[in-house]
Amino acid sequence: MAMDTQDEIAQLKREVTELSGLSLATGVILTQLLQTICRRELNPQESAGIIVENARAGIEAFVEQNGSEPAMKNRALEAVGQYEEQIRSVLAV
């Protein structure tokens, strides 16, 4: 029985590692795409603000409709803040 538990823990660790890698790649690609889109706008800072606000509103609506865990909502909103920092860091002020 203990071996089954250890095998399951090892499998879960592998899955978390894989999902973390996918999440990292997705985040980097998304940030690059958003930076490129914003740079093409006449007002890149405003464009970034609109994207971020729409993302926050989308998260709020999703959570409200699906009764999602507060921790998921908080992490999603935190991630939007991180994306915002990354996007704005390369835009002209």
PDB file of N, CA and C in Angstrom:
ATOM      1  N   MET A   1       0.815  -1.200   0.000  1.00  0.00           N
ATOM      2  CA  MET A   1       0.000   0.000   0.000  1.00  0.00           C
ATOM      3  C   MET A   1       0.862   1.270   0.000  1.00  0.00           C
ATOM      4  N   ALA A   2       1.943   1.264   0.794  1.00  0.00           N
ATOM      5  CA  ALA A   2       2.822   2.420   0.853  1.00  0.00           C
ATOM      6  C   ALA A   2       3.471   2.676  -0.510  1.00  0.00           C
ATOM      7  N   MET A   3       3.789   1.621  -1.209  1.00  0.00           N
ATOM      8  CA  MET A   3       4.399   1.785  -2.533  1.00  0.00           C
ATOM      9  C   MET A   3       3.419   2.417  -3.511  1.00  0.00           C
ATOM     10  N   ASP A   4       2.154   2.032  -3.416  1.00  0.00           N
ATOM     11  CA  ASP A   4       1.147   2.639  -4.276  1.00  0.00           C
ATOM     12  C   ASP A   4       1.060   4.140  -4.019  1.00  0.00           C
ATOM     13  N   THR A   5       1.099   4.512  -2.763  1.00  0.00           N
ATOM     14  CA  THR A   5       1.033   5.929  -2.398  1.00  0.00           C
ATOM     15  C   THR A   5       2.258   6.664  -2.929  1.00  0.00           C
ATOM     16  N   GLN A   6       3.427   6.072  -2.775  1.00  0.00           N
ATOM     17  CA  GLN A   6       4.656   6.688  -3.264  1.00  0.00           C
ATOM     18  C   GLN A   6       4.635   6.825  -4.791  1.00  0.00           C
ATOM     19  N   ASP A   7       4.125   5.791  -5.466  1.00  0.00           N
ATOM     20  CA  ASP A   7       4.000   5.847  -6.924  1.00  0.00           C
ATOM     21  C   ASP A   7       3.048   6.959  -7.349  1.00  0.00           C
ATOM     22  N   GLU A   8       1.944   7.099  -6.619  1.00  0.00           N
ATOM     23  CA  GLU A   8       0.973   8.140  -6.938  1.00  0.00           C
ATOM     24  C   GLU A   8       1.569   9.524  -6.707  1.00  0.00           C
ATOM     25  N   ILE A   9       2.319   9.671  -5.618  1.00  0.00           N
ATOM     26  CA  ILE A   9       2.962  10.952  -5.335  1.00  0.00           C
ATOM     27  C   ILE A   9       3.969  11.283  -6.435  1.00  0.00           C
ATOM     28  N   ALA A  10       4.756  10.297  -6.844  1.00  0.00           N
ATOM     29  CA  ALA A  10       5.740  10.514  -7.913  1.00  0.00           C
ATOM     30  C   ALA A  10       5.043  10.905  -9.213  1.00  0.00           C
ATOM     31  N   GLN A  11       3.933  10.253  -9.520  1.00  0.00           N
ATOM     32  CA  GLN A  11       3.176  10.570 -10.727  1.00  0.00           C
ATOM     33  C   GLN A  11       2.622  11.995 -10.660  1.00  0.00           C
ATOM     34  N   LEU A  12       2.091  12.375  -9.501  1.00  0.00           N
ATOM     35  CA  LEU A  12       1.565  13.729  -9.336  1.00  0.00           C
ATOM     36  C   LEU A  12       2.678  14.768  -9.477  1.00  0.00           C
ATOM     37  N   LYS A  13       3.850  14.481  -8.949  1.00  0.00           N
ATOM     38  CA  LYS A  13       4.986  15.398  -9.091  1.00  0.00           C
ATOM     39  C   LYS A  13       5.374  15.559 -10.556  1.00  0.00           C
ATOM     40  N   ARG A  14       5.365  14.466 -11.305  1.00  0.00           N
ATOM     41  CA  ARG A  14       5.671  14.542 -12.742  1.00  0.00           C
ATOM     42  C   ARG A  14       4.621  15.389 -13.465  1.00  0.00           C
ATOM     43  N   GLU A  15       3.361  15.197 -13.106  1.00  0.00           N
ATOM     44  CA  GLU A  15       2.289  15.959 -13.740  1.00  0.00           C
ATOM     45  C   GLU A  15       2.399  17.446 -13.407  1.00  0.00           C
ATOM     46  N   VAL A  16       2.713  17.760 -12.150  1.00  0.00           N
ATOM     47  CA  VAL A  16       2.878  19.164 -11.756  1.00  0.00           C
ATOM     48  C   VAL A  16       4.036  19.786 -12.519  1.00  0.00           C
ATOM     49  N   THR A  17       5.134  19.052 -12.654  1.00  0.00           N
ATOM     50  CA  THR A  17       6.286  19.548 -13.401  1.00  0.00           C
ATOM     51  C   THR A  17       5.914  19.811 -14.850  1.00  0.00           C
ATOM     52  N   GLU A  18       5.204  18.882 -15.457  1.00  0.00           N
ATOM     53  CA  GLU A  18       4.780  19.053 -16.851  1.00  0.00           C
ATOM     54  C   GLU A  18       3.856  20.253 -16.997  1.00  0.00           C
ATOM     55  N   LEU A  19       2.879  20.374 -16.105  1.00  0.00           N
ATOM     56  CA  LEU A  19       1.953  21.503 -16.174  1.00  0.00           C
ATOM     57  C   LEU A  19       2.667  22.825 -15.914  1.00  0.00           C
ATOM     58  N   SER A  20       3.642  22.814 -15.037  1.00  0.00           N
ATOM     59  CA  SER A  20       4.415  24.030 -14.775  1.00  0.00           C
ATOM     60  C   SER A  20       5.183  24.454 -16.021  1.00  0.00           C
ATOM     61  N   GLY A  21       5.758  23.500 -16.717  1.00  0.00           N
ATOM     62  CA  GLY A  21       6.466  23.805 -17.965  1.00  0.00           C
ATOM     63  C   GLY A  21       5.528  24.356 -19.018  1.00  0.00           C
ATOM     64  N   LEU A  22       4.371  23.743 -19.153  1.00  0.00           N
ATOM     65  CA  LEU A  22       3.374  24.235 -20.111  1.00  0.00           C
ATOM     66  C   LEU A  22       2.908  25.639 -19.742  1.00  0.00           C
ATOM     67  N   SER A  23       2.697  25.866 -18.466  1.00  0.00           N
ATOM     68  CA  SER A  23       2.258  27.173 -17.992  1.00  0.00           C
ATOM     69  C   SER A  23       3.314  28.240 -18.270  1.00  0.00           C
ATOM     70  N   LEU A  24       4.567  27.901 -18.018  1.00  0.00           N
ATOM     71  CA  LEU A  24       5.652  28.846 -18.281  1.00  0.00           C
ATOM     72  C   LEU A  24       5.713  29.195 -19.763  1.00  0.00           C
ATOM     73  N   ALA A  25       5.689  28.195 -20.621  1.00  0.00           N
ATOM     74  CA  ALA A  25       5.748  28.435 -22.062  1.00  0.00           C
ATOM     75  C   ALA A  25       4.564  29.266 -22.521  1.00  0.00           C
ATOM     76  N   THR A  26       3.380  28.949 -22.044  1.00  0.00           N
ATOM     77  CA  THR A  26       2.181  29.697 -22.411  1.00  0.00           C
ATOM     78  C   THR A  26       2.293  31.149 -21.961  1.00  0.00           C
ATOM     79  N   GLY A  27       2.771  31.346 -20.753  1.00  0.00           N
ATOM     80  CA  GLY A  27       2.922  32.700 -20.233  1.00  0.00           C
ATOM     81  C   GLY A  27       3.907  33.529 -21.033  1.00  0.00           C
ATOM     82  N   VAL A  28       5.022  32.935 -21.394  1.00  0.00           N
ATOM     83  CA  VAL A  28       6.035  33.658 -22.165  1.00  0.00           C
ATOM     84  C   VAL A  28       5.491  34.015 -23.542  1.00  0.00           C
ATOM     85  N   ILE A  29       4.867  33.061 -24.199  1.00  0.00           N
ATOM     86  CA  ILE A  29       4.307  33.322 -25.529  1.00  0.00           C
ATOM     87  C   ILE A  29       3.212  34.380 -25.457  1.00  0.00           C
ATOM     88  N   LEU A  30       2.325  34.262 -24.492  1.00  0.00           N
ATOM     89  CA  LEU A  30       1.247  35.235 -24.343  1.00  0.00           C
ATOM     90  C   LEU A  30       1.802  36.632 -24.095  1.00  0.00           C
ATOM     91  N   THR A  31       2.784  36.733 -23.222  1.00  0.00           N
ATOM     92  CA  THR A  31       3.383  38.036 -22.942  1.00  0.00           C
ATOM     93  C   THR A  31       3.995  38.634 -24.194  1.00  0.00           C
ATOM     94  N   GLN A  32       4.710  37.821 -24.964  1.00  0.00           N
ATOM     95  CA  GLN A  32       5.321  38.316 -26.198  1.00  0.00           C
ATOM     96  C   GLN A  32       4.254  38.795 -27.182  1.00  0.00           C
ATOM     97  N   LEU A  33       3.193  38.037 -27.322  1.00  0.00           N
ATOM     98  CA  LEU A  33       2.112  38.436 -28.234  1.00  0.00           C
ATOM     99  C   LEU A  33       1.460  39.742 -27.787  1.00  0.00           C
ATOM    100  N   LEU A  34       1.180  39.849 -26.507  1.00  0.00           N
ATOM    101  CA  LEU A  34       0.540  41.062 -26.009  1.00  0.00           C
ATOM    102  C   LEU A  34       1.452  42.277 -26.144  1.00  0.00           C
ATOM    103  N   GLN A  35       2.745  42.090 -25.894  1.00  0.00           N
ATOM    104  CA  GLN A  35       3.683  43.193 -26.069  1.00  0.00           C
ATOM    105  C   GLN A  35       3.707  43.653 -27.525  1.00  0.00           C
ATOM    106  N   THR A  36       3.723  42.703 -28.444  1.00  0.00           N
ATOM    107  CA  THR A  36       3.740  43.032 -29.872  1.00  0.00           C
ATOM    108  C   THR A  36       2.472  43.778 -30.270  1.00  0.00           C
ATOM    109  N   ILE A  37       1.340  43.302 -29.800  1.00  0.00           N
ATOM    110  CA  ILE A  37       0.064  43.960 -30.112  1.00  0.00           C
ATOM    111  C   ILE A  37       0.049  45.382 -29.572  1.00  0.00           C
ATOM    112  N   CYS A  38       0.458  45.541 -28.325  1.00  0.00           N
ATOM    113  CA  CYS A  38       0.419  46.861 -27.698  1.00  0.00           C
ATOM    114  C   CYS A  38       1.378  47.836 -28.379  1.00  0.00           C
ATOM    115  N   ARG A  39       2.549  47.372 -28.772  1.00  0.00           N
ATOM    116  CA  ARG A  39       3.533  48.248 -29.427  1.00  0.00           C
ATOM    117  C   ARG A  39       3.003  48.810 -30.742  1.00  0.00           C
ATOM    118  N   ARG A  40       2.101  48.103 -31.371  1.00  0.00           N
ATOM    119  CA  ARG A  40       1.570  48.542 -32.670  1.00  0.00           C
ATOM    120  C   ARG A  40       0.476  49.600 -32.531  1.00  0.00           C
ATOM    121  N   GLU A  41       0.009  49.809 -31.331  1.00  0.00           N
ATOM    122  CA  GLU A  41      -1.070  50.761 -31.094  1.00  0.00           C
ATOM    123  C   GLU A  41      -0.511  52.182 -30.987  1.00  0.00           C
ATOM    124  N   LEU A  42      -1.349  53.174 -31.266  1.00  0.00           N
ATOM    125  CA  LEU A  42      -0.935  54.564 -31.130  1.00  0.00           C
ATOM    126  C   LEU A  42      -0.652  54.910 -29.673  1.00  0.00           C
ATOM    127  N   ASN A  43      -1.432  54.324 -28.775  1.00  0.00           N
ATOM    128  CA  ASN A  43      -1.233  54.543 -27.349  1.00  0.00           C
ATOM    129  C   ASN A  43      -1.034  53.168 -26.698  1.00  0.00           C
ATOM    130  N   PRO A  44       0.191  52.655 -26.688  1.00  0.00           N
ATOM    131  CA  PRO A  44       0.427  51.300 -26.197  1.00  0.00           C
ATOM    132  C   PRO A  44       0.085  51.112 -24.721  1.00  0.00           C
ATOM    133  N   GLN A  45       0.294  52.135 -23.903  1.00  0.00           N
ATOM    134  CA  GLN A  45      -0.032  52.010 -22.479  1.00  0.00           C
ATOM    135  C   GLN A  45      -1.546  51.851 -22.277  1.00  0.00           C
ATOM    136  N   GLU A  46      -2.313  52.628 -23.019  1.00  0.00           N
ATOM    137  CA  GLU A  46      -3.772  52.527 -22.928  1.00  0.00           C
ATOM    138  C   GLU A  46      -4.240  51.157 -23.428  1.00  0.00           C
ATOM    139  N   SER A  47      -3.648  50.699 -24.495  1.00  0.00           N
ATOM    140  CA  SER A  47      -3.987  49.387 -25.036  1.00  0.00           C
ATOM    141  C   SER A  47      -3.727  48.290 -24.007  1.00  0.00           C
ATOM    142  N   ALA A  48      -2.581  48.363 -23.340  1.00  0.00           N
ATOM    143  CA  ALA A  48      -2.263  47.393 -22.295  1.00  0.00           C
ATOM    144  C   ALA A  48      -3.289  47.468 -21.173  1.00  0.00           C
ATOM    145  N   GLY A  49      -3.672  48.679 -20.804  1.00  0.00           N
ATOM    146  CA  GLY A  49      -4.673  48.854 -19.744  1.00  0.00           C
ATOM    147  C   GLY A  49      -6.010  48.230 -20.097  1.00  0.00           C
ATOM    148  N   ILE A  50      -6.418  48.397 -21.336  1.00  0.00           N
ATOM    149  CA  ILE A  50      -7.690  47.819 -21.792  1.00  0.00           C
ATOM    150  C   ILE A  50      -7.627  46.292 -21.748  1.00  0.00           C
ATOM    151  N   ILE A  51      -6.523  45.733 -22.225  1.00  0.00           N
ATOM    152  CA  ILE A  51      -6.359  44.275 -22.211  1.00  0.00           C
ATOM    153  C   ILE A  51      -6.439  43.745 -20.786  1.00  0.00           C
ATOM    154  N   VAL A  52      -5.739  44.399 -19.886  1.00  0.00           N
ATOM    155  CA  VAL A  52      -5.694  43.946 -18.496  1.00  0.00           C
ATOM    156  C   VAL A  52      -7.062  44.081 -17.828  1.00  0.00           C
ATOM    157  N   GLU A  53      -7.718  45.198 -18.034  1.00  0.00           N
ATOM    158  CA  GLU A  53      -9.042  45.388 -17.432  1.00  0.00           C
ATOM    159  C   GLU A  53     -10.046  44.371 -17.971  1.00  0.00           C
ATOM    160  N   ASN A  54      -9.991  44.093 -19.273  1.00  0.00           N
ATOM    161  CA  ASN A  54     -10.868  43.076 -19.853  1.00  0.00           C
ATOM    162  C   ASN A  54     -10.579  41.693 -19.262  1.00  0.00           C
ATOM    163  N   ALA A  55      -9.307  41.410 -19.040  1.00  0.00           N
ATOM    164  CA  ALA A  55      -8.937  40.124 -18.438  1.00  0.00           C
ATOM    165  C   ALA A  55      -9.490  40.022 -17.020  1.00  0.00           C
ATOM    166  N   ARG A  56      -9.347  41.083 -16.249  1.00  0.00           N
ATOM    167  CA  ARG A  56      -9.879  41.073 -14.869  1.00  0.00           C
ATOM    168  C   ARG A  56     -11.397  40.896 -14.872  1.00  0.00           C
ATOM    169  N   ALA A  57     -12.068  41.605 -15.770  1.00  0.00           N
ATOM    170  CA  ALA A  57     -13.525  41.477 -15.857  1.00  0.00           C
ATOM    171  C   ALA A  57     -13.920  40.062 -16.273  1.00  0.00           C
ATOM    172  N   GLY A  58     -13.166  39.476 -17.197  1.00  0.00           N
ATOM    173  CA  GLY A  58     -13.440  38.104 -17.625  1.00  0.00           C
ATOM    174  C   GLY A  58     -13.271  37.111 -16.484  1.00  0.00           C
ATOM    175  N   ILE A  59     -12.251  37.301 -15.677  1.00  0.00           N
ATOM    176  CA  ILE A  59     -12.028  36.421 -14.518  1.00  0.00           C
ATOM    177  C   ILE A  59     -13.181  36.560 -13.536  1.00  0.00           C
ATOM    178  N   GLU A  60     -13.557  37.793 -13.244  1.00  0.00           N
ATOM    179  CA  GLU A  60     -14.669  38.031 -12.305  1.00  0.00           C
ATOM    180  C   GLU A  60     -15.949  37.363 -12.804  1.00  0.00           C
ATOM    181  N   ALA A  61     -16.238  37.516 -14.084  1.00  0.00           N
ATOM    182  CA  ALA A  61     -17.454  36.915 -14.646  1.00  0.00           C
ATOM    183  C   ALA A  61     -17.393  35.398 -14.599  1.00  0.00           C
ATOM    184  N   PHE A  62     -16.247  34.828 -14.942  1.00  0.00           N
ATOM    185  CA  PHE A  62     -16.090  33.374 -14.921  1.00  0.00           C
ATOM    186  C   PHE A  62     -16.305  32.837 -13.511  1.00  0.00           C
ATOM    187  N   VAL A  63     -15.685  33.483 -12.535  1.00  0.00           N
ATOM    188  CA  VAL A  63     -15.794  33.031 -11.143  1.00  0.00           C
ATOM    189  C   VAL A  63     -17.243  33.128 -10.668  1.00  0.00           C
ATOM    190  N   GLU A  64     -17.891  34.219 -11.008  1.00  0.00           N
ATOM    191  CA  GLU A  64     -19.281  34.416 -10.598  1.00  0.00           C
ATOM    192  C   GLU A  64     -20.199  33.351 -11.205  1.00  0.00           C
ATOM    193  N   GLN A  65     -20.003  33.045 -12.466  1.00  0.00           N
ATOM    194  CA  GLN A  65     -20.853  32.072 -13.157  1.00  0.00           C
ATOM    195  C   GLN A  65     -20.589  30.644 -12.712  1.00  0.00           C
ATOM    196  N   ASN A  66     -19.337  30.348 -12.351  1.00  0.00           N
ATOM    197  CA  ASN A  66     -18.977  28.969 -12.050  1.00  0.00           C
ATOM    198  C   ASN A  66     -18.770  28.684 -10.574  1.00  0.00           C
ATOM    199  N   GLY A  67     -18.875  29.690  -9.735  1.00  0.00           N
ATOM    200  CA  GLY A  67     -18.671  29.481  -8.310  1.00  0.00           C
ATOM    201  C   GLY A  67     -17.295  28.908  -8.001  1.00  0.00           C
ATOM    202  N   SER A  68     -16.290  29.411  -8.681  1.00  0.00           N
ATOM    203  CA  SER A  68     -14.932  28.894  -8.533  1.00  0.00           C
ATOM    204  C   SER A  68     -14.355  29.211  -7.158  1.00  0.00           C
ATOM    205  N   GLU A  69     -13.310  28.469  -6.830  1.00  0.00           N
ATOM    206  CA  GLU A  69     -12.616  28.654  -5.563  1.00  0.00           C
ATOM    207  C   GLU A  69     -12.020  30.059  -5.469  1.00  0.00           C
ATOM    208  N   PRO A  70     -12.110  30.697  -4.312  1.00  0.00           N
ATOM    209  CA  PRO A  70     -11.489  32.012  -4.142  1.00  0.00           C
ATOM    210  C   PRO A  70      -9.980  31.995  -4.425  1.00  0.00           C
ATOM    211  N   ALA A  71      -9.312  30.917  -4.069  1.00  0.00           N
ATOM    212  CA  ALA A  71      -7.866  30.822  -4.310  1.00  0.00           C
ATOM    213  C   ALA A  71      -7.567  30.864  -5.804  1.00  0.00           C
ATOM    214  N   MET A  72      -8.409  30.248  -6.617  1.00  0.00           N
ATOM    215  CA  MET A  72      -8.214  30.259  -8.060  1.00  0.00           C
ATOM    216  C   MET A  72      -8.386  31.681  -8.592  1.00  0.00           C
ATOM    217  N   LYS A  73      -9.427  32.352  -8.127  1.00  0.00           N
ATOM    218  CA  LYS A  73      -9.674  33.728  -8.553  1.00  0.00           C
ATOM    219  C   LYS A  73      -8.499  34.623  -8.162  1.00  0.00           C
ATOM    220  N   ASN A  74      -8.050  34.496  -6.921  1.00  0.00           N
ATOM    221  CA  ASN A  74      -6.948  35.332  -6.453  1.00  0.00           C
ATOM    222  C   ASN A  74      -5.683  35.096  -7.263  1.00  0.00           C
ATOM    223  N   ARG A  75      -5.387  33.846  -7.563  1.00  0.00           N
ATOM    224  CA  ARG A  75      -4.184  33.525  -8.336  1.00  0.00           C
ATOM    225  C   ARG A  75      -4.315  34.045  -9.766  1.00  0.00           C
ATOM    226  N   ALA A  76      -5.503  33.928 -10.336  1.00  0.00           N
ATOM    227  CA  ALA A  76      -5.724  34.426 -11.694  1.00  0.00           C
ATOM    228  C   ALA A  76      -5.540  35.938 -11.753  1.00  0.00           C
ATOM    229  N   LEU A  77      -6.086  36.652 -10.779  1.00  0.00           N
ATOM    230  CA  LEU A  77      -5.941  38.104 -10.759  1.00  0.00           C
ATOM    231  C   LEU A  77      -4.482  38.506 -10.513  1.00  0.00           C
ATOM    232  N   GLU A  78      -3.796  37.735  -9.693  1.00  0.00           N
ATOM    233  CA  GLU A  78      -2.373  37.978  -9.461  1.00  0.00           C
ATOM    234  C   GLU A  78      -1.584  37.778 -10.757  1.00  0.00           C
ATOM    235  N   ALA A  79      -1.928  36.744 -11.500  1.00  0.00           N
ATOM    236  CA  ALA A  79      -1.251  36.476 -12.771  1.00  0.00           C
ATOM    237  C   ALA A  79      -1.488  37.608 -13.761  1.00  0.00           C
ATOM    238  N   VAL A  80      -2.684  38.155 -13.789  1.00  0.00           N
ATOM    239  CA  VAL A  80      -2.974  39.283 -14.672  1.00  0.00           C
ATOM    240  C   VAL A  80      -2.074  40.465 -14.303  1.00  0.00           C
ATOM    241  N   GLY A  81      -1.895  40.687 -13.017  1.00  0.00           N
ATOM    242  CA  GLY A  81      -0.997  41.749 -12.568  1.00  0.00           C
ATOM    243  C   GLY A  81       0.439  41.515 -13.019  1.00  0.00           C
ATOM    244  N   GLN A  82       0.869  40.265 -12.966  1.00  0.00           N
ATOM    245  CA  GLN A  82       2.217  39.932 -13.419  1.00  0.00           C
ATOM    246  C   GLN A  82       2.359  40.175 -14.925  1.00  0.00           C
ATOM    247  N   TYR A  83       1.350  39.760 -15.690  1.00  0.00           N
ATOM    248  CA  TYR A  83       1.378  40.006 -17.133  1.00  0.00           C
ATOM    249  C   TYR A  83       1.410  41.508 -17.415  1.00  0.00           C
ATOM    250  N   GLU A  84       0.617  42.243 -16.668  1.00  0.00           N
ATOM    251  CA  GLU A  84       0.585  43.690 -16.874  1.00  0.00           C
ATOM    252  C   GLU A  84       1.979  44.293 -16.675  1.00  0.00           C
ATOM    253  N   GLU A  85       2.649  43.896 -15.616  1.00  0.00           N
ATOM    254  CA  GLU A  85       4.004  44.405 -15.357  1.00  0.00           C
ATOM    255  C   GLU A  85       4.945  44.047 -16.502  1.00  0.00           C
ATOM    256  N   GLN A  86       4.860  42.804 -16.966  1.00  0.00           N
ATOM    257  CA  GLN A  86       5.737  42.365 -18.033  1.00  0.00           C
ATOM    258  C   GLN A  86       5.446  43.087 -19.344  1.00  0.00           C
ATOM    259  N   ILE A  87       4.188  43.280 -19.646  1.00  0.00           N
ATOM    260  CA  ILE A  87       3.810  43.962 -20.886  1.00  0.00           C
ATOM    261  C   ILE A  87       4.269  45.412 -20.842  1.00  0.00           C
ATOM    262  N   ARG A  88       3.943  46.079 -19.751  1.00  0.00           N
ATOM    263  CA  ARG A  88       4.264  47.509 -19.642  1.00  0.00           C
ATOM    264  C   ARG A  88       5.762  47.764 -19.560  1.00  0.00           C
ATOM    265  N   SER A  89       6.532  46.782 -19.112  1.00  0.00           N
ATOM    266  CA  SER A  89       7.974  46.986 -18.934  1.00  0.00           C
ATOM    267  C   SER A  89       8.700  47.265 -20.255  1.00  0.00           C
ATOM    268  N   VAL A  90       8.112  46.882 -21.359  1.00  0.00           N
ATOM    269  CA  VAL A  90       8.767  47.096 -22.653  1.00  0.00           C
ATOM    270  C   VAL A  90       8.103  48.189 -23.492  1.00  0.00           C
ATOM    271  N   LEU A  91       7.052  48.783 -22.958  1.00  0.00           N
ATOM    272  CA  LEU A  91       6.334  49.809 -23.709  1.00  0.00           C
ATOM    273  C   LEU A  91       6.873  51.197 -23.384  1.00  0.00           C
ATOM    274  N   ALA A  92       6.892  52.050 -24.374  1.00  0.00           N
ATOM    275  CA  ALA A  92       7.298  53.430 -24.161  1.00  0.00           C
ATOM    276  C   ALA A  92       6.284  54.124 -23.274  1.00  0.00           C
ATOM    277  N   VAL A  93       6.781  54.960 -22.403  1.00  0.00           N
ATOM    278  CA  VAL A  93       5.886  55.670 -21.470  1.00  0.00           C
ATOM    279  C   VAL A  93       5.336  56.918 -22.114  1.00  0.00           C
TER     280      VAL A  93
END
